[in-house]
N, C-alpha and C. Protein backbone atom coordinates (compact mmCIF):
# COMPACT_ATOMS: atom_id res chain seq x y z
N MET A 1 174.86 86.63 78.09
CA MET A 1 173.54 87.00 78.75
C MET A 1 172.85 86.19 79.82
N LYS A 2 173.27 86.75 81.12
CA LYS A 2 172.84 85.25 81.75
C LYS A 2 171.47 85.64 82.00
N THR A 3 170.63 84.46 82.56
CA THR A 3 169.23 84.72 83.09
C THR A 3 168.67 84.29 84.26
N GLY A 4 167.48 84.90 84.19
CA GLY A 4 167.01 84.81 85.91
C GLY A 4 165.51 84.28 85.83
N VAL A 5 165.24 83.20 86.71
CA VAL A 5 163.89 83.07 86.55
C VAL A 5 163.21 82.61 87.60
N LEU A 6 162.18 83.48 87.87
CA LEU A 6 161.58 83.62 89.21
C LEU A 6 159.97 82.98 89.11
N PHE A 7 160.20 82.10 89.96
CA PHE A 7 159.04 80.95 90.07
C PHE A 7 158.14 81.60 91.63
N ILE A 8 157.03 82.13 90.82
CA ILE A 8 155.78 82.52 92.57
C ILE A 8 154.65 81.40 92.24
N HIS A 9 154.69 80.64 93.53
CA HIS A 9 153.46 79.18 94.10
C HIS A 9 151.88 80.64 93.36
N GLY A 10 151.18 79.52 94.61
CA GLY A 10 149.99 79.88 94.56
C GLY A 10 149.58 79.65 95.92
N PHE A 11 147.89 79.75 96.02
CA PHE A 11 147.54 80.45 97.40
C PHE A 11 147.38 79.04 98.15
N THR A 12 147.54 79.45 99.82
CA THR A 12 147.92 78.28 100.33
C THR A 12 148.95 77.25 100.43
N GLY A 13 149.86 78.06 98.85
CA GLY A 13 150.50 76.48 98.73
C GLY A 13 151.97 76.41 99.12
N GLY A 14 152.63 76.50 98.08
CA GLY A 14 154.59 76.46 98.38
C GLY A 14 154.67 76.71 97.15
N PRO A 15 156.41 76.45 97.52
CA PRO A 15 157.64 76.27 96.24
C PRO A 15 156.78 74.74 95.32
N PHE A 16 156.93 73.65 96.42
CA PHE A 16 156.66 72.58 96.32
C PHE A 16 155.44 72.59 94.46
N GLU A 17 154.66 73.34 94.52
CA GLU A 17 153.58 73.93 93.77
C GLU A 17 154.13 73.80 92.10
N VAL A 18 155.56 74.62 92.00
CA VAL A 18 155.72 74.50 90.41
C VAL A 18 157.41 73.42 90.63
N ARG A 19 157.35 72.62 91.62
CA ARG A 19 159.12 72.07 91.70
C ARG A 19 158.98 70.96 90.70
N PRO A 20 157.95 70.70 90.24
CA PRO A 20 158.86 69.80 88.72
C PRO A 20 158.64 70.55 87.73
N LEU A 21 158.19 71.75 87.21
CA LEU A 21 159.08 72.59 86.34
C LEU A 21 160.32 72.92 86.70
N VAL A 22 160.38 73.45 88.09
CA VAL A 22 161.95 74.38 88.53
C VAL A 22 162.54 73.16 87.64
N ASN A 23 162.27 71.81 88.89
CA ASN A 23 164.16 70.57 88.35
C ASN A 23 163.50 70.59 87.06
N TYR A 24 162.74 70.47 85.84
CA TYR A 24 162.75 70.75 84.36
C TYR A 24 163.81 71.47 83.66
N VAL A 25 163.95 72.88 84.42
CA VAL A 25 164.32 73.86 83.84
C VAL A 25 165.87 73.85 84.52
N ARG A 26 166.31 73.60 85.65
CA ARG A 26 167.06 73.79 86.49
C ARG A 26 168.01 72.35 85.12
N SER A 27 167.52 71.46 84.99
CA SER A 27 167.96 70.57 84.06
C SER A 27 168.81 70.47 82.89
N LYS A 28 168.16 71.84 81.80
CA LYS A 28 168.10 71.92 81.22
C LYS A 28 168.78 73.20 80.54
N THR A 29 169.45 73.83 81.98
CA THR A 29 170.04 74.77 82.01
C THR A 29 170.54 75.74 83.11
N ASP A 30 171.69 76.25 82.43
CA ASP A 30 172.45 77.21 83.78
C ASP A 30 171.96 78.53 84.05
N TRP A 31 170.48 78.36 84.23
CA TRP A 31 169.88 80.03 84.65
C TRP A 31 169.69 79.81 86.03
N LEU A 32 169.89 80.96 86.83
CA LEU A 32 169.60 81.28 88.11
C LEU A 32 168.63 81.56 88.11
N ILE A 33 167.74 80.66 89.57
CA ILE A 33 165.76 80.16 89.52
C ILE A 33 166.47 80.65 91.06
N SER A 34 165.03 81.67 90.99
CA SER A 34 164.10 81.79 92.46
C SER A 34 162.94 81.25 92.58
N VAL A 35 162.90 80.64 93.98
CA VAL A 35 161.06 80.04 94.37
C VAL A 35 160.99 80.87 95.72
N PRO A 36 160.62 82.03 95.91
CA PRO A 36 160.04 82.09 97.38
C PRO A 36 158.71 81.71 97.78
N THR A 37 158.66 81.59 99.09
CA THR A 37 157.77 81.67 99.52
C THR A 37 157.47 82.87 100.07
N LEU A 38 156.06 82.35 99.92
CA LEU A 38 155.33 84.32 99.91
C LEU A 38 154.62 83.92 101.41
N PRO A 39 154.86 85.29 102.14
CA PRO A 39 154.50 85.13 103.71
C PRO A 39 153.17 84.76 103.94
N GLY A 40 153.01 83.78 105.15
CA GLY A 40 152.17 83.41 105.48
C GLY A 40 151.72 82.11 104.87
N HIS A 41 153.11 81.47 103.90
CA HIS A 41 152.54 80.01 103.05
C HIS A 41 153.93 79.28 103.75
N GLY A 42 153.71 77.91 102.97
CA GLY A 42 154.71 77.02 102.93
C GLY A 42 153.97 75.97 103.89
N VAL A 43 155.57 75.39 104.45
CA VAL A 43 154.92 74.32 105.20
C VAL A 43 154.04 74.49 106.60
N LYS A 44 154.01 75.70 107.10
CA LYS A 44 152.86 76.04 108.14
C LYS A 44 152.55 77.15 107.94
N LEU A 45 151.02 77.18 107.20
CA LEU A 45 150.80 78.15 107.37
C LEU A 45 149.95 78.62 108.23
N GLU A 46 150.37 80.38 108.49
CA GLU A 46 150.20 81.40 108.92
C GLU A 46 149.61 82.95 108.49
N LEU A 47 148.77 82.56 107.49
CA LEU A 47 148.11 83.14 106.92
C LEU A 47 147.32 84.40 107.01
N HIS A 48 146.93 84.32 108.58
CA HIS A 48 146.64 85.60 109.40
C HIS A 48 147.47 86.26 109.76
N LYS A 49 148.57 86.33 109.76
CA LYS A 49 149.33 87.44 109.55
C LYS A 49 150.28 88.26 107.94
N ALA A 50 148.92 87.76 107.30
CA ALA A 50 149.63 87.99 105.73
C ALA A 50 148.76 88.50 105.07
N SER A 51 149.18 89.38 104.13
CA SER A 51 148.28 90.18 103.34
C SER A 51 148.69 90.18 102.02
N ALA A 52 147.73 90.87 101.41
CA ALA A 52 147.81 91.02 99.52
C ALA A 52 148.93 91.75 99.93
N ASN A 53 149.05 93.56 100.73
CA ASN A 53 150.50 93.73 100.17
C ASN A 53 152.08 92.64 100.51
N THR A 54 151.36 92.64 101.50
CA THR A 54 152.98 91.53 101.86
C THR A 54 153.19 90.51 100.75
N TRP A 55 152.58 89.83 100.10
CA TRP A 55 152.55 88.96 99.28
C TRP A 55 153.16 89.63 97.80
N LEU A 56 152.49 90.72 97.82
CA LEU A 56 152.95 91.40 96.14
C LEU A 56 154.83 92.30 96.91
N MET A 57 155.14 92.50 97.88
CA MET A 57 156.08 92.81 98.60
C MET A 57 157.02 91.64 98.34
N GLU A 58 157.00 90.67 98.76
CA GLU A 58 157.90 89.69 98.85
C GLU A 58 158.15 89.53 97.19
N ALA A 59 156.97 89.38 96.46
CA ALA A 59 157.43 89.31 95.23
C ALA A 59 158.33 90.16 94.73
N GLU A 60 158.03 91.37 94.84
CA GLU A 60 158.84 92.76 94.72
C GLU A 60 160.32 92.44 94.69
N LEU A 61 160.29 92.19 96.38
CA LEU A 61 161.62 92.01 96.63
C LEU A 61 162.51 90.84 95.90
N ALA A 62 161.81 89.94 95.96
CA ALA A 62 162.30 88.52 94.80
C ALA A 62 163.11 88.92 93.66
N ILE A 63 162.41 89.71 92.66
CA ILE A 63 162.81 90.30 91.36
C ILE A 63 163.67 91.35 91.25
N ARG A 64 163.71 91.83 92.08
CA ARG A 64 164.48 93.12 91.99
C ARG A 64 166.24 92.64 92.96
N LYS A 65 165.96 91.26 93.67
CA LYS A 65 167.49 90.91 94.24
C LYS A 65 167.99 89.93 92.69
N LEU A 66 167.01 89.54 91.65
CA LEU A 66 167.10 88.27 90.92
C LEU A 66 167.72 89.44 89.76
N THR A 67 167.47 90.89 89.89
CA THR A 67 167.68 91.33 88.42
C THR A 67 169.08 92.02 88.58
N GLN A 68 169.19 92.64 89.90
CA GLN A 68 170.59 92.31 90.30
C GLN A 68 171.59 91.42 89.76
N GLN A 69 171.03 90.28 89.71
CA GLN A 69 171.86 89.57 89.34
C GLN A 69 172.34 88.31 88.13
N VAL A 70 171.70 89.04 87.60
CA VAL A 70 171.38 88.53 85.13
C VAL A 70 170.80 89.61 84.75
N ASP A 71 170.76 89.32 83.52
CA ASP A 71 170.80 90.16 82.42
C ASP A 71 168.72 90.49 81.53
N ARG A 72 168.50 89.10 82.03
CA ARG A 72 167.04 89.19 81.74
C ARG A 72 166.18 88.35 82.74
N VAL A 73 164.96 88.49 82.63
CA VAL A 73 164.42 88.14 83.50
C VAL A 73 162.97 87.61 83.56
N ILE A 74 163.15 86.21 83.90
CA ILE A 74 161.61 85.67 82.97
C ILE A 74 160.78 85.23 84.14
N VAL A 75 159.29 85.36 84.51
CA VAL A 75 158.47 85.20 85.47
C VAL A 75 157.69 84.18 85.33
N VAL A 76 157.76 83.48 86.47
CA VAL A 76 156.92 81.82 86.28
C VAL A 76 155.82 82.58 87.15
N GLY A 77 154.13 82.31 87.29
CA GLY A 77 153.40 82.81 88.00
C GLY A 77 152.44 80.87 87.97
N PHE A 78 152.31 80.42 89.31
CA PHE A 78 151.14 79.65 89.19
C PHE A 78 150.22 79.95 89.70
N SER A 79 148.47 79.74 89.55
CA SER A 79 147.60 80.22 89.87
C SER A 79 147.30 81.68 90.73
N MET A 80 147.30 81.81 91.73
CA MET A 80 147.71 83.54 92.57
C MET A 80 148.68 83.55 92.09
N GLY A 81 149.82 83.03 91.93
CA GLY A 81 150.98 83.85 91.56
C GLY A 81 151.32 84.04 89.96
N GLY A 82 150.36 83.62 89.32
CA GLY A 82 150.32 83.87 87.93
C GLY A 82 149.46 85.52 87.77
N LEU A 83 149.03 86.16 88.40
CA LEU A 83 148.22 87.73 88.68
C LEU A 83 149.73 88.10 89.37
N ILE A 84 150.24 87.85 90.51
CA ILE A 84 151.76 88.38 91.12
C ILE A 84 152.14 88.62 90.03
N ALA A 85 152.55 87.41 88.80
CA ALA A 85 153.72 87.47 87.98
C ALA A 85 153.00 88.46 87.08
N MET A 86 152.11 88.78 86.80
CA MET A 86 151.31 89.94 85.84
C MET A 86 151.74 91.46 86.57
N TYR A 87 151.12 91.46 87.79
CA TYR A 87 151.66 92.30 88.30
C TYR A 87 153.00 93.01 88.66
N LEU A 88 154.49 91.59 88.40
CA LEU A 88 155.39 92.28 88.45
C LEU A 88 155.21 92.64 87.02
N ALA A 89 155.28 91.90 85.96
CA ALA A 89 155.26 92.54 84.38
C ALA A 89 155.36 93.91 84.42
N LEU A 90 153.90 94.25 85.28
CA LEU A 90 153.29 96.00 85.18
C LEU A 90 154.26 97.11 85.33
N ARG A 91 155.31 96.79 86.24
CA ARG A 91 156.08 97.69 87.24
C ARG A 91 157.69 96.93 86.76
N TYR A 92 157.92 95.90 86.59
CA TYR A 92 159.09 96.08 85.99
C TYR A 92 159.81 95.20 84.70
N LYS A 93 160.78 95.32 84.39
CA LYS A 93 161.22 95.52 82.84
C LYS A 93 161.40 93.36 83.01
N VAL A 94 160.51 92.48 82.60
CA VAL A 94 160.65 91.23 82.83
C VAL A 94 160.58 90.75 81.12
N ASP A 95 161.40 89.38 80.77
CA ASP A 95 161.78 89.70 79.10
C ASP A 95 160.66 88.58 78.78
N LYS A 96 159.96 87.47 79.95
CA LYS A 96 159.12 86.67 79.35
C LYS A 96 158.28 86.93 80.55
N LEU A 97 156.84 86.21 80.02
CA LEU A 97 155.95 85.93 81.32
C LEU A 97 155.29 84.31 81.30
N VAL A 98 155.68 83.80 81.98
CA VAL A 98 154.94 82.39 81.94
C VAL A 98 153.31 82.29 82.99
N LEU A 99 152.24 81.77 82.45
CA LEU A 99 151.11 81.93 83.34
C LEU A 99 150.69 80.29 83.76
N LEU A 100 150.25 79.83 84.40
CA LEU A 100 150.20 78.54 84.21
C LEU A 100 148.54 78.77 85.51
N SER A 101 148.19 77.81 85.12
CA SER A 101 146.26 78.32 85.62
C SER A 101 146.09 79.49 86.52
N ALA A 102 146.38 79.85 86.15
CA ALA A 102 146.74 81.86 86.27
C ALA A 102 144.74 81.65 86.96
N ALA A 103 144.86 82.39 88.13
CA ALA A 103 143.83 82.27 88.89
C ALA A 103 142.87 83.72 88.57
N ALA A 104 142.67 84.02 86.98
CA ALA A 104 142.07 85.11 87.08
C ALA A 104 140.63 85.65 87.23
N LYS A 105 140.19 84.25 87.86
CA LYS A 105 138.57 84.53 88.80
C LYS A 105 138.99 84.12 89.64
N TYR A 106 137.90 84.81 90.95
CA TYR A 106 137.97 84.32 92.34
C TYR A 106 137.20 83.06 92.61
N ILE A 107 138.05 82.65 93.22
CA ILE A 107 137.84 81.02 92.97
C ILE A 107 137.15 80.61 95.00
N SER A 108 136.41 79.50 95.21
CA SER A 108 136.57 79.22 96.59
C SER A 108 137.68 78.46 97.22
N PRO A 109 138.77 79.44 98.49
CA PRO A 109 138.99 78.30 98.83
C PRO A 109 139.34 76.69 99.17
N ARG A 110 137.60 76.41 100.14
CA ARG A 110 137.61 75.16 100.17
C ARG A 110 137.79 73.92 98.67
N ILE A 111 137.72 74.22 97.29
CA ILE A 111 137.19 73.46 96.59
C ILE A 111 138.94 73.87 95.95
N LEU A 112 139.73 74.83 96.96
CA LEU A 112 141.55 74.74 95.94
C LEU A 112 141.89 73.58 96.98
N LEU A 113 141.88 73.94 97.92
CA LEU A 113 141.71 73.01 99.14
C LEU A 113 142.20 71.25 98.81
N GLY A 114 140.41 71.39 98.56
CA GLY A 114 140.54 69.57 97.98
C GLY A 114 141.33 69.44 96.83
N ASP A 115 141.32 70.25 95.97
CA ASP A 115 142.35 69.92 94.73
C ASP A 115 143.45 69.41 95.47
N LEU A 116 144.22 70.70 96.46
CA LEU A 116 145.43 70.18 96.76
C LEU A 116 145.61 68.76 97.43
N GLY A 117 144.52 68.33 97.98
CA GLY A 117 144.47 67.05 98.66
C GLY A 117 144.85 65.95 98.10
N ILE A 118 144.04 66.33 96.70
CA ILE A 118 144.38 65.16 95.66
C ILE A 118 145.84 65.41 95.35
N LEU A 119 146.07 66.29 95.10
CA LEU A 119 147.71 66.63 94.40
C LEU A 119 148.29 66.07 95.34
N LEU A 120 148.17 66.55 97.14
CA LEU A 120 148.83 65.77 97.99
C LEU A 120 149.48 64.10 98.09
N THR A 121 147.78 63.68 98.24
CA THR A 121 147.54 62.03 98.21
C THR A 121 148.43 61.54 97.01
N GLU A 122 148.15 62.20 95.74
CA GLU A 122 148.56 61.36 94.44
C GLU A 122 149.68 61.37 93.78
N SER A 123 149.40 62.46 93.61
CA SER A 123 150.76 63.45 92.80
C SER A 123 152.27 62.95 93.08
N ILE A 124 152.24 63.34 94.84
CA ILE A 124 153.66 63.96 95.27
C ILE A 124 153.95 62.56 95.93
N ARG A 125 152.71 61.80 95.75
CA ARG A 125 153.80 60.35 96.04
C ARG A 125 154.48 59.81 94.90
N LYS A 126 154.07 60.08 93.33
CA LYS A 126 154.16 59.62 92.33
C LYS A 126 155.71 59.53 92.13
N LYS A 127 155.92 61.21 92.90
CA LYS A 127 157.20 61.84 92.12
C LYS A 127 158.32 61.96 93.36
N TYR A 128 157.55 61.68 94.76
CA TYR A 128 158.49 61.86 96.13
C TYR A 128 158.24 61.64 97.01
N PRO A 129 159.25 60.95 97.98
CA PRO A 129 159.70 60.03 99.19
C PRO A 129 158.13 60.02 99.98
N PRO A 130 157.15 59.46 100.12
CA PRO A 130 155.76 59.37 100.80
C PRO A 130 156.16 59.85 102.54
N ASN A 131 154.99 60.82 102.20
CA ASN A 131 154.78 61.36 103.53
C ASN A 131 155.25 63.01 103.39
N THR A 132 155.82 63.35 102.02
CA THR A 132 156.49 64.79 101.61
C THR A 132 155.91 66.01 102.37
N PHE A 133 154.40 65.91 101.66
CA PHE A 133 153.47 66.54 101.82
C PHE A 133 152.09 66.48 102.21
N TYR A 134 151.72 65.73 101.73
CA TYR A 134 150.36 65.37 101.78
C TYR A 134 149.52 65.04 103.23
N HIS A 135 150.74 64.55 104.03
CA HIS A 135 149.80 64.51 105.39
C HIS A 135 149.59 66.20 106.06
N LEU A 136 149.93 66.86 105.12
CA LEU A 136 149.22 68.50 105.59
C LEU A 136 148.34 68.59 104.93
N TYR A 137 147.55 68.08 104.62
CA TYR A 137 146.01 68.55 103.92
C TYR A 137 145.57 69.06 105.09
N ASP A 138 144.76 67.87 105.73
CA ASP A 138 143.89 68.34 106.56
C ASP A 138 144.93 69.84 107.41
N TYR A 139 145.28 70.30 107.77
CA TYR A 139 146.18 71.07 108.31
C TYR A 139 145.52 72.73 107.52
N LYS A 140 146.11 72.58 106.54
CA LYS A 140 145.85 73.18 105.47
C LYS A 140 144.08 73.90 105.07
N LEU A 141 143.59 72.74 105.26
CA LEU A 141 142.13 72.79 105.09
C LEU A 141 141.20 73.88 106.40
N THR A 142 142.12 73.67 107.15
CA THR A 142 141.20 74.17 108.70
C THR A 142 142.37 75.61 109.06
N HIS A 143 143.59 75.90 108.24
CA HIS A 143 144.83 77.06 109.05
C HIS A 143 144.27 78.20 107.70
N THR A 144 143.55 77.80 106.88
CA THR A 144 142.63 79.19 105.69
C THR A 144 141.77 80.27 106.21
N PRO A 145 142.04 80.98 107.04
CA PRO A 145 141.04 81.85 107.64
C PRO A 145 139.93 83.18 106.35
N PHE A 146 139.28 83.38 106.76
CA PHE A 146 138.58 83.98 106.01
C PHE A 146 138.82 85.25 105.00
N ARG A 147 139.28 85.86 105.94
CA ARG A 147 139.79 87.04 105.70
C ARG A 147 140.88 87.16 104.64
N ALA A 148 141.67 85.71 104.46
CA ALA A 148 143.07 85.45 103.48
C ALA A 148 142.49 85.18 102.03
N THR A 149 141.63 84.70 102.28
CA THR A 149 140.44 84.94 101.22
C THR A 149 140.44 86.05 100.39
N LEU A 150 139.92 87.01 101.25
CA LEU A 150 139.54 87.78 101.03
C LEU A 150 140.75 89.20 100.29
N GLU A 151 141.95 88.78 100.99
CA GLU A 151 143.12 89.08 100.59
C GLU A 151 143.77 88.83 99.02
N PHE A 152 143.28 87.60 98.78
CA PHE A 152 143.13 86.91 97.99
C PHE A 152 142.65 87.53 96.28
N LEU A 153 140.99 87.46 96.61
CA LEU A 153 140.59 88.35 96.60
C LEU A 153 141.07 90.33 95.39
N ARG A 154 141.69 90.29 96.63
CA ARG A 154 142.52 92.41 96.68
C ARG A 154 143.71 91.87 94.91
N ILE A 155 144.25 90.52 95.20
CA ILE A 155 145.47 91.17 93.92
C ILE A 155 144.32 90.43 92.92
N VAL A 156 143.47 89.90 92.98
CA VAL A 156 142.18 89.83 91.19
C VAL A 156 142.45 91.23 90.94
N LYS A 157 141.05 91.87 91.74
CA LYS A 157 141.39 92.93 91.33
C LYS A 157 142.47 94.00 91.60
N THR A 158 143.04 93.90 91.85
CA THR A 158 144.72 95.15 91.56
C THR A 158 145.50 94.93 90.35
N VAL A 159 144.96 93.90 89.79
CA VAL A 159 145.84 92.93 88.04
C VAL A 159 144.39 93.41 87.21
N GLU A 160 143.30 93.07 87.34
CA GLU A 160 142.61 92.68 85.73
C GLU A 160 142.61 93.83 85.58
N PRO A 161 142.25 95.01 85.97
CA PRO A 161 141.83 96.37 84.95
C PRO A 161 143.66 96.98 84.39
N TYR A 162 144.20 96.26 84.30
CA TYR A 162 145.21 96.09 83.42
C TYR A 162 145.91 95.37 82.80
N TYR A 163 145.41 94.28 82.51
CA TYR A 163 146.01 93.07 81.70
C TYR A 163 146.63 93.76 80.06
N GLU A 164 145.56 95.04 79.76
CA GLU A 164 145.96 95.04 78.39
C GLU A 164 147.56 95.78 77.89
N GLN A 165 147.91 96.26 79.68
CA GLN A 165 148.79 96.96 79.39
C GLN A 165 150.24 95.96 79.42
N ILE A 166 149.93 94.85 79.50
CA ILE A 166 151.14 93.92 79.70
C ILE A 166 152.08 93.68 78.46
N GLN A 167 152.75 93.87 78.06
CA GLN A 167 153.66 94.29 76.71
C GLN A 167 154.51 92.91 76.84
N ALA A 168 155.04 91.86 77.99
CA ALA A 168 156.10 91.15 77.65
C ALA A 168 155.64 90.28 77.31
N PRO A 169 156.24 89.13 76.75
CA PRO A 169 155.78 88.30 75.83
C PRO A 169 155.27 86.75 76.58
N VAL A 170 154.07 86.33 76.00
CA VAL A 170 153.61 85.17 77.47
C VAL A 170 153.10 84.38 77.31
N CYS A 171 152.92 83.27 77.91
CA CYS A 171 152.88 81.59 77.84
C CYS A 171 151.69 81.38 78.57
N ILE A 172 150.72 80.98 77.96
CA ILE A 172 149.73 80.46 79.13
C ILE A 172 149.98 78.94 78.99
N VAL A 173 149.49 78.26 79.72
CA VAL A 173 149.32 77.18 79.87
C VAL A 173 147.60 76.76 81.08
N GLN A 174 147.16 76.02 80.17
CA GLN A 174 146.03 75.68 81.30
C GLN A 174 145.82 74.18 81.15
N GLY A 175 145.00 73.79 81.96
CA GLY A 175 144.75 72.01 81.97
C GLY A 175 142.95 72.11 81.66
N MET A 176 142.75 71.40 80.57
CA MET A 176 141.33 71.61 80.30
C MET A 176 140.51 70.51 81.32
N LYS A 177 141.24 69.73 81.82
CA LYS A 177 140.43 69.37 82.92
C LYS A 177 140.55 70.33 84.46
N ASP A 178 140.77 71.13 84.37
CA ASP A 178 141.16 72.19 86.16
C ASP A 178 139.42 72.84 86.73
N GLY A 179 139.44 72.31 87.73
CA GLY A 179 138.20 72.28 88.29
C GLY A 179 138.53 73.52 88.93
N ILE A 180 139.10 74.25 89.38
CA ILE A 180 139.46 75.08 89.87
C ILE A 180 139.02 76.78 89.09
N VAL A 181 140.06 77.07 88.01
CA VAL A 181 140.12 78.19 87.37
C VAL A 181 139.73 77.61 85.72
N PRO A 182 138.33 77.94 85.63
CA PRO A 182 137.17 77.72 84.05
C PRO A 182 138.51 77.81 83.20
N PHE A 183 138.35 77.08 81.81
CA PHE A 183 139.00 77.23 81.01
C PHE A 183 139.23 78.79 80.24
N SER A 184 138.02 79.13 80.27
CA SER A 184 137.39 80.04 79.69
C SER A 184 138.50 81.37 80.63
N ALA A 185 138.59 81.57 82.05
CA ALA A 185 139.49 82.63 82.20
C ALA A 185 140.80 82.44 81.62
N ALA A 186 141.65 81.33 80.94
CA ALA A 186 142.32 81.10 80.38
C ALA A 186 142.28 82.33 78.84
N GLU A 187 141.58 81.92 78.53
CA GLU A 187 141.66 82.37 76.85
C GLU A 187 140.37 83.73 76.77
N HIS A 188 140.32 84.39 78.35
CA HIS A 188 140.21 86.00 78.66
C HIS A 188 141.49 86.25 78.45
N LEU A 189 142.08 85.80 79.20
CA LEU A 189 143.85 86.40 79.45
C LEU A 189 144.57 86.26 77.75
N TYR A 190 144.06 85.04 77.78
CA TYR A 190 145.28 85.32 76.15
C TYR A 190 144.52 86.26 74.67
N LYS A 191 142.94 86.92 75.35
CA LYS A 191 143.02 87.67 74.27
C LYS A 191 142.63 88.84 75.18
N LYS A 192 142.83 89.64 76.59
CA LYS A 192 142.96 90.68 76.73
C LYS A 192 144.33 90.85 77.10
N ILE A 193 145.55 90.20 77.33
CA ILE A 193 146.64 90.34 77.38
C ILE A 193 147.55 91.14 76.26
N GLY A 194 147.78 92.48 76.39
CA GLY A 194 148.57 93.30 75.76
C GLY A 194 149.43 92.79 75.05
N SER A 195 150.33 92.00 75.04
CA SER A 195 151.52 91.22 74.94
C SER A 195 151.16 90.82 73.10
N GLU A 196 152.48 91.37 71.88
CA GLU A 196 152.48 91.18 70.79
C GLU A 196 152.49 89.67 70.63
N LYS A 197 153.51 89.22 71.55
CA LYS A 197 153.53 87.68 71.40
C LYS A 197 153.12 86.35 72.44
N LYS A 198 151.92 85.48 71.90
CA LYS A 198 151.67 85.26 73.00
C LYS A 198 151.15 83.74 72.54
N VAL A 199 151.42 82.93 73.69
CA VAL A 199 151.38 81.25 72.89
C VAL A 199 150.16 80.61 74.43
N PHE A 200 149.45 80.26 73.88
CA PHE A 200 148.85 79.23 74.91
C PHE A 200 148.06 77.81 74.48
N ILE A 201 149.21 77.22 75.87
CA ILE A 201 149.24 75.42 75.20
C ILE A 201 148.37 74.86 76.35
N LYS A 202 147.38 74.06 75.61
CA LYS A 202 146.61 73.82 76.28
C LYS A 202 146.70 71.61 77.11
N SER A 203 147.02 71.59 78.06
CA SER A 203 146.84 70.21 78.12
C SER A 203 145.84 69.95 78.15
N PRO A 204 145.56 68.84 77.87
CA PRO A 204 144.36 67.77 77.74
C PRO A 204 144.21 67.25 79.09
N PHE A 205 145.40 67.02 79.85
CA PHE A 205 144.88 66.22 81.26
C PHE A 205 144.84 66.76 81.95
N GLY A 206 145.19 68.23 82.28
CA GLY A 206 145.78 68.62 82.89
C GLY A 206 144.56 69.43 84.38
N LYS A 207 145.03 68.78 85.76
CA LYS A 207 143.89 69.96 86.90
C LYS A 207 144.78 71.13 87.00
N HIS A 208 144.38 71.32 88.52
CA HIS A 208 144.54 73.17 88.52
C HIS A 208 146.40 72.91 88.56
N HIS A 209 146.42 71.56 89.54
CA HIS A 209 147.92 71.88 90.00
C HIS A 209 148.36 71.25 88.60
N ILE A 210 148.96 72.13 87.61
CA ILE A 210 149.41 72.17 86.32
C ILE A 210 150.54 71.26 86.22
N CYS A 211 151.65 71.70 87.17
CA CYS A 211 152.92 70.90 87.19
C CYS A 211 153.17 69.72 87.22
N TYR A 212 151.89 68.89 87.95
CA TYR A 212 151.59 67.30 88.07
C TYR A 212 150.69 66.93 87.21
N SER A 213 150.43 67.46 86.26
CA SER A 213 149.34 66.47 85.06
C SER A 213 149.74 65.18 84.70
N ASN A 214 149.12 64.23 84.20
CA ASN A 214 150.22 63.50 84.03
C ASN A 214 150.75 63.68 82.32
N ASP A 215 150.40 64.91 81.94
CA ASP A 215 151.08 65.27 80.20
C ASP A 215 151.76 66.41 80.26
N CYS A 216 152.50 66.84 81.85
CA CYS A 216 153.61 67.66 82.31
C CYS A 216 154.96 67.51 81.31
N ASP A 217 155.30 66.29 80.70
CA ASP A 217 156.55 66.65 80.15
C ASP A 217 155.95 66.63 78.71
N ASN A 218 154.80 66.87 78.15
CA ASN A 218 154.32 66.97 76.74
C ASN A 218 154.44 68.58 76.57
N TRP A 219 154.32 68.96 77.40
CA TRP A 219 154.51 70.49 77.80
C TRP A 219 155.48 71.45 78.32
N PHE A 220 156.29 70.81 79.35
CA PHE A 220 157.53 71.14 79.92
C PHE A 220 158.19 72.27 78.70
N HIS A 221 158.57 70.84 77.79
CA HIS A 221 159.50 71.20 76.89
C HIS A 221 159.28 72.90 75.94
N GLU A 222 157.86 72.56 75.66
CA GLU A 222 157.29 74.01 74.69
C GLU A 222 158.31 75.07 75.69
N VAL A 223 157.13 75.44 77.04
CA VAL A 223 157.39 76.26 78.06
C VAL A 223 158.64 76.72 77.99
N LEU A 224 159.48 75.91 77.93
CA LEU A 224 161.05 75.58 77.82
C LEU A 224 161.91 76.32 76.56
N ALA A 225 160.62 75.90 75.57
CA ALA A 225 161.20 77.11 74.15
C ALA A 225 160.81 78.51 74.04
N PHE A 226 159.71 78.33 74.57
CA PHE A 226 159.64 79.57 74.84
C PHE A 226 160.23 80.21 75.08
N MET A 227 161.04 79.97 76.83
CA MET A 227 161.61 80.64 77.65
C MET A 227 162.81 81.26 77.05
N GLN A 228 163.09 79.91 76.12
CA GLN A 228 164.84 80.28 75.49
C GLN A 228 164.40 81.09 74.51
N GLU A 229 163.34 81.16 73.84
CA GLU A 229 163.95 82.09 72.27
C GLU A 229 163.86 83.64 72.35
N ASN A 230 164.78 84.00 71.30
CA ASN A 230 164.92 85.70 71.74
C ASN A 230 164.28 86.46 71.19
């Protein structure tokens, strides 16, 4: 049985936000992995051209393509990507669902970008060559239109009423030092999601960009074990 994993990044971000976990899964499996860039996101932000509908459509196109190539699909979503992952689980056959710092509550984009700046200047430089992403911080901070934050809010409101209808086994990973998404949001998701199989992984040192937490190596294997379970 062939497995595919769809990773969905967060608001104003890109595939680099989930890259450490992507690399870990690739090193341990032969699974087919898809990491699309949502419209308006990535290295060059063009969020004025994008909307909630285009983000959801891109995710749907990605899961449809992956479904044609594999027998089972796992969806991993970070931050806003966690909301989109839940949206997909409501509309498609998803074998497993992994939610990383899922932004179940509306957050300030300026605070989010500030946390992103810390990520780019500290965490990525430890794991990737200098000047890989952190020089984009000021650019991202000044190229996020208010309209884009309203589109983010649309994603939140689209998914929120249907948490209880999600049936796919779910693994929630939340950093206890996350200054963007409160820990209570993850607890709320854990209680409200309708899945019978639910796993809650708490990262004592994890901030919002959980895949770059100092203790990520401690929980990556737990997430993979969840993904591999029959």
